[in-house]
Each structure stands twice: as structure tokens, then as C-alpha cells.
Amino acid sequence: MLTWPVSVAGFGYSGFALQSTTNLNPPVVWNTFLTFSTIVNGQFVVTNSMSGAQQFFRLKLVVYTPQEQVSHY
């Protein structure tokens, strides 16, 4: 299980994606989690399956270009 605060000192993490990799040697390939996090007691929570390989995680700001944005009309 991974957790991180919804916000710290007024800075929110709502536009970030959780990514993981098994190796930090260049070139590093980051995989984006497709599982949505939930909020529990002011923390984003993601439950991931345990695997045999070590994993490293990061939060990356997701920025969409106008062509990538989806209209919800």
C-alpha cells in the first residue's frame, strides 16, 4: 500500500500520476499506474500487488495538450 497527502502547505497532488519502475539505471522506464487512488483521512491510497521484484515509485505531474483533453459534453 502506498500513501501520500492530498495536499501539503496548500499544494495539491490531484494532477499527478503514480509511476513505478524496477530499475533506476539509465535509461529508466517508468510505468504509470492505471489503478485509481482513493482518499482516506486526507491521504491518497493505492493498494498494489506484491511482486518479487523491488519497485521504485514517483509522482509525476500529468500535463495534457489541448488535443489530448477529452470533452465531456
Protein backbone atom coordinates (compact mmCIF):
# COMPACT_ATOMS: atom_id res chain seq x y z
CA MET A 1 0.00 0.00 0.00
CA LEU A 2 1.27 3.46 -0.92
CA THR A 3 0.02 6.71 0.58
CA TRP A 4 0.75 10.41 0.12
CA PRO A 5 -1.02 13.52 1.37
CA VAL A 6 -3.83 15.11 -0.62
CA SER A 7 -2.11 18.45 -0.06
CA VAL A 8 0.88 19.89 1.78
CA ALA A 9 1.07 23.58 2.73
CA GLY A 10 -1.62 24.41 0.17
CA PHE A 11 -0.02 22.40 -2.65
CA GLY A 12 -2.35 19.71 -4.03
CA TYR A 13 -1.41 16.46 -5.76
CA SER A 14 -4.63 15.99 -7.74
CA GLY A 15 -2.94 16.39 -11.16
CA PHE A 16 -0.24 13.80 -10.52
CA ALA A 17 0.09 10.20 -11.70
CA LEU A 18 1.79 7.45 -9.71
CA GLN A 19 4.56 5.72 -11.65
CA SER A 20 6.84 2.77 -10.89
CA THR A 21 9.97 1.12 -12.18
CA THR A 22 12.06 -1.87 -11.11
CA ASN A 23 15.42 -0.40 -12.09
CA LEU A 24 16.92 3.09 -11.67
CA ASN A 25 19.82 2.50 -14.07
CA PRO A 26 19.55 4.65 -17.23
CA PRO A 27 17.56 4.54 -19.34
CA VAL A 28 14.80 4.36 -16.71
CA VAL A 29 11.41 3.21 -17.96
CA TRP A 30 8.53 4.47 -15.80
CA ASN A 31 5.14 2.72 -15.91
CA THR A 32 2.02 4.66 -14.98
CA PHE A 33 -0.40 3.01 -12.55
CA LEU A 34 -3.80 2.54 -14.12
CA THR A 35 -5.40 1.96 -10.72
CA PHE A 36 -7.16 4.98 -9.28
CA SER A 37 -6.26 6.07 -5.78
CA THR A 38 -8.82 6.61 -3.05
CA ILE A 39 -8.73 9.24 -0.33
CA VAL A 40 -8.65 8.07 3.30
CA ASN A 41 -8.11 10.52 6.16
CA GLY A 42 -6.55 13.18 3.91
CA GLN A 43 -4.23 10.70 2.14
CA PHE A 44 -4.29 9.29 -1.38
CA VAL A 45 -4.11 5.49 -1.02
CA VAL A 46 -3.15 2.94 -3.68
CA THR A 47 -3.08 -0.77 -2.95
CA ASN A 48 -0.69 -2.58 -5.24
CA SER A 49 0.03 -6.28 -5.56
CA MET A 50 3.24 -7.63 -4.11
CA SER A 51 5.71 -8.95 -6.65
CA GLY A 52 9.14 -10.50 -6.33
CA ALA A 53 11.00 -7.56 -7.86
CA GLN A 54 11.85 -4.39 -5.96
CA GLN A 55 9.99 -1.31 -7.15
CA PHE A 56 10.67 2.41 -7.04
CA PHE A 57 7.84 4.95 -7.17
CA ARG A 58 7.39 8.60 -8.11
CA LEU A 59 4.59 11.12 -8.58
CA LYS A 60 4.66 12.86 -11.94
CA LEU A 61 2.60 15.88 -12.94
CA VAL A 62 0.37 14.96 -15.87
CA VAL A 63 0.05 17.77 -18.41
CA TYR A 64 -2.27 17.29 -21.35
CA THR A 65 -2.06 19.16 -24.61
CA PRO A 66 -5.35 20.57 -25.97
CA GLN A 67 -5.52 17.64 -28.45
CA GLU A 68 -5.36 15.11 -25.58
CA GLN A 69 -8.11 16.67 -23.48
CA VAL A 70 -11.43 14.91 -23.76
CA SER A 71 -14.71 16.78 -23.93
CA HIS A 72 -17.44 15.56 -21.57
CA TYR A 73 -20.49 17.13 -23.27
